[in-house]
C-alpha atoms as a PDB file:
ATOM      1  CA  MET A   1       0.009  -0.167   0.055  1.00  0.00           C
ATOM      2  CA  VAL A   2       2.745   2.366   0.858  1.00  0.00           C
ATOM      3  CA  VAL A   3       4.452   1.669  -2.557  1.00  0.00           C
ATOM      4  CA  TRP A   4       1.122   2.381  -4.221  1.00  0.00           C
ATOM      5  CA  LEU A   5       0.490   5.699  -2.405  1.00  0.00           C
ATOM      6  CA  LEU A   6       4.037   7.053  -3.333  1.00  0.00           C
ATOM      7  CA  MET A   7       3.305   5.989  -7.049  1.00  0.00           C
ATOM      8  CA  CYS A   8       0.220   7.584  -6.987  1.00  0.00           C
ATOM      9  CA  ARG A   9       1.683  10.750  -5.283  1.00  0.00           C
ATOM     10  CA  SER A  10       4.584  10.807  -8.100  1.00  0.00           C
ATOM     11  CA  GLN A  11       2.039  10.323 -11.024  1.00  0.00           C
ATOM     12  CA  GLU A  12       0.910  13.150 -13.039  1.00  0.00           C
ATOM     13  CA  PRO A  13       2.014  15.955 -10.870  1.00  0.00           C
ATOM     14  CA  HIS A  14       0.071  18.326 -12.856  1.00  0.00           C
ATOM     15  CA  ALA A  15      -3.067  16.482 -12.249  1.00  0.00           C
ATOM     16  CA  TYR A  16      -2.868  16.882  -8.479  1.00  0.00           C
ATOM     17  CA  LYS A  17      -6.070  17.795  -6.841  1.00  0.00           C
ATOM     18  CA  LYS A  18      -6.756  18.436  -3.288  1.00  0.00           C
ATOM     19  CA  TYR A  19      -9.901  16.664  -1.811  1.00  0.00           C
ATOM     20  CA  CYS A  20      -8.855  16.968   1.958  1.00  0.00           C
ATOM     21  CA  GLU A  21      -6.009  17.842   4.061  1.00  0.00           C
ATOM     22  CA  ASN A  22      -4.919  14.411   4.736  1.00  0.00           C
ATOM     23  CA  THR A  23      -1.920  13.557   2.097  1.00  0.00           C
ATOM     24  CA  THR A  24      -2.423   9.951   2.043  1.00  0.00           C
ATOM     25  CA  VAL A  25      -6.113   9.751   2.085  1.00  0.00           C
ATOM     26  CA  ASN A  26      -5.903  12.532  -0.802  1.00  0.00           C
ATOM     27  CA  ALA A  27      -3.688  10.233  -2.788  1.00  0.00           C
ATOM     28  CA  ALA A  28      -5.999   7.511  -2.705  1.00  0.00           C
ATOM     29  CA  ILE A  29      -9.051   9.610  -3.544  1.00  0.00           C
ATOM     30  CA  MET A  30      -7.121  11.021  -6.447  1.00  0.00           C
ATOM     31  CA  HIS A  31      -6.220   7.567  -7.815  1.00  0.00           C
ATOM     32  CA  TYR A  32      -9.741   6.466  -7.571  1.00  0.00           C
ATOM     33  CA  VAL A  33     -11.293   9.387  -9.009  1.00  0.00           C
ATOM     34  CA  THR A  34      -8.978   9.187 -12.007  1.00  0.00           C
ATOM     35  CA  MET A  35     -10.056   5.756 -12.359  1.00  0.00           C
ATOM     36  CA  ALA A  36     -13.685   6.480 -12.119  1.00  0.00           C
ATOM     37  CA  GLU A  37     -13.289   9.306 -14.822  1.00  0.00           C
ATOM     38  CA  ARG A  38     -11.367   7.103 -17.256  1.00  0.00           C
ATOM     39  CA  ASN A  39     -14.480   4.917 -17.060  1.00  0.00           C
ATOM     40  CA  ASP A  40     -16.816   7.534 -17.802  1.00  0.00           C
ATOM     41  CA  ILE A  41     -18.220   7.726 -14.159  1.00  0.00           C
ATOM     42  CA  LYS A  42     -19.091  11.007 -12.810  1.00  0.00           C
ATOM     43  CA  VAL A  43     -17.674  11.606  -9.496  1.00  0.00           C
ATOM     44  CA  THR A  44     -18.332  14.414  -6.789  1.00  0.00           C
ATOM     45  CA  VAL A  45     -16.138  14.340  -3.571  1.00  0.00           C
ATOM     46  CA  SER A  46     -16.621  16.078  -0.409  1.00  0.00           C
ATOM     47  CA  ALA A  47     -13.966  15.267   2.014  1.00  0.00           C
ATOM     48  CA  ASN A  48     -13.451  16.957   5.293  1.00  0.00           C
ATOM     49  CA  ILE A  49     -10.338  14.945   6.724  1.00  0.00           C
ATOM     50  CA  PRO A  50      -7.686  16.986   8.528  1.00  0.00           C
ATOM     51  CA  TYR A  51      -4.057  16.513   8.227  1.00  0.00           C
ATOM     52  CA  ASN A  52      -3.905  14.719  11.498  1.00  0.00           C
ATOM     53  CA  THR A  53      -6.808  12.428  11.961  1.00  0.00           C
ATOM     54  CA  GLY A  54      -5.909  10.831  15.162  1.00  0.00           C
ATOM     55  CA  ALA A  55      -6.412   7.401  13.833  1.00  0.00           C
ATOM     56  CA  ASP A  56      -4.140   5.402  11.717  1.00  0.00           C
ATOM     57  CA  GLU A  57      -4.058   7.104   8.323  1.00  0.00           C
ATOM     58  CA  MET A  58      -2.990   4.080   6.396  1.00  0.00           C
ATOM     59  CA  GLN A  59      -5.787   2.249   7.674  1.00  0.00           C
ATOM     60  CA  LEU A  60      -8.174   5.000   6.693  1.00  0.00           C
ATOM     61  CA  ALA A  61      -6.789   5.186   3.133  1.00  0.00           C
ATOM     62  CA  ILE A  62      -7.344   1.695   2.710  1.00  0.00           C
ATOM     63  CA  ALA A  63     -10.855   1.688   3.875  1.00  0.00           C
ATOM     64  CA  ILE A  64     -11.729   5.079   1.845  1.00  0.00           C
ATOM     65  CA  SER A  65     -10.008   3.163  -1.093  1.00  0.00           C
ATOM     66  CA  ASN A  66     -12.005  -0.111  -0.805  1.00  0.00           C
ATOM     67  CA  LEU A  67     -15.184   1.889  -0.577  1.00  0.00           C
ATOM     68  CA  LEU A  68     -14.279   3.886  -3.767  1.00  0.00           C
ATOM     69  CA  GLU A  69     -13.077   0.796  -5.918  1.00  0.00           C
ATOM     70  CA  ASN A  70     -16.275  -1.031  -4.677  1.00  0.00           C
ATOM     71  CA  ALA A  71     -18.351   2.116  -6.136  1.00  0.00           C
ATOM     72  CA  ILE A  72     -16.303   2.040  -9.258  1.00  0.00           C
ATOM     73  CA  HIS A  73     -17.086  -1.806  -9.670  1.00  0.00           C
ATOM     74  CA  ALA A  74     -20.781  -1.251  -9.229  1.00  0.00           C
ATOM     75  CA  CYS A  75     -20.933   1.351 -11.460  1.00  0.00           C
ATOM     76  CA  GLU A  76     -19.168  -0.522 -14.190  1.00  0.00           C
ATOM     77  CA  LYS A  77     -21.740  -2.951 -14.151  1.00  0.00           C
ATOM     78  CA  VAL A  78     -24.403  -0.217 -15.329  1.00  0.00           C
ATOM     79  CA  GLN A  79     -24.903  -0.576 -19.112  1.00  0.00           C
ATOM     80  CA  GLU A  80     -26.156   2.892 -19.809  1.00  0.00           C
ATOM     81  CA  ALA A  81     -23.026   5.260 -19.214  1.00  0.00           C
ATOM     82  CA  ALA A  82     -25.444   8.254 -18.687  1.00  0.00           C
ATOM     83  CA  ASN A  83     -26.478   6.396 -15.329  1.00  0.00           C
ATOM     84  CA  ARG A  84     -23.010   6.005 -13.862  1.00  0.00           C
END
């Protein structure tokens, strides 16, 4: 997971978008938003996650990643692209 997050941070620096203050979680969100958009899935993000969460940020990033990945897989099953 750490390697993936570092890769995500180093990919396409011109495409960086700040969704939240926590850099680890932000990297995960950026990755999955990019994946969704490449699959013509509309995405709206509202993430109020501070720099210091008081929790294990890797575990939080993994949980959010799993949620976003599951949502993408569900949207990919929708035949009509306009309904994604």
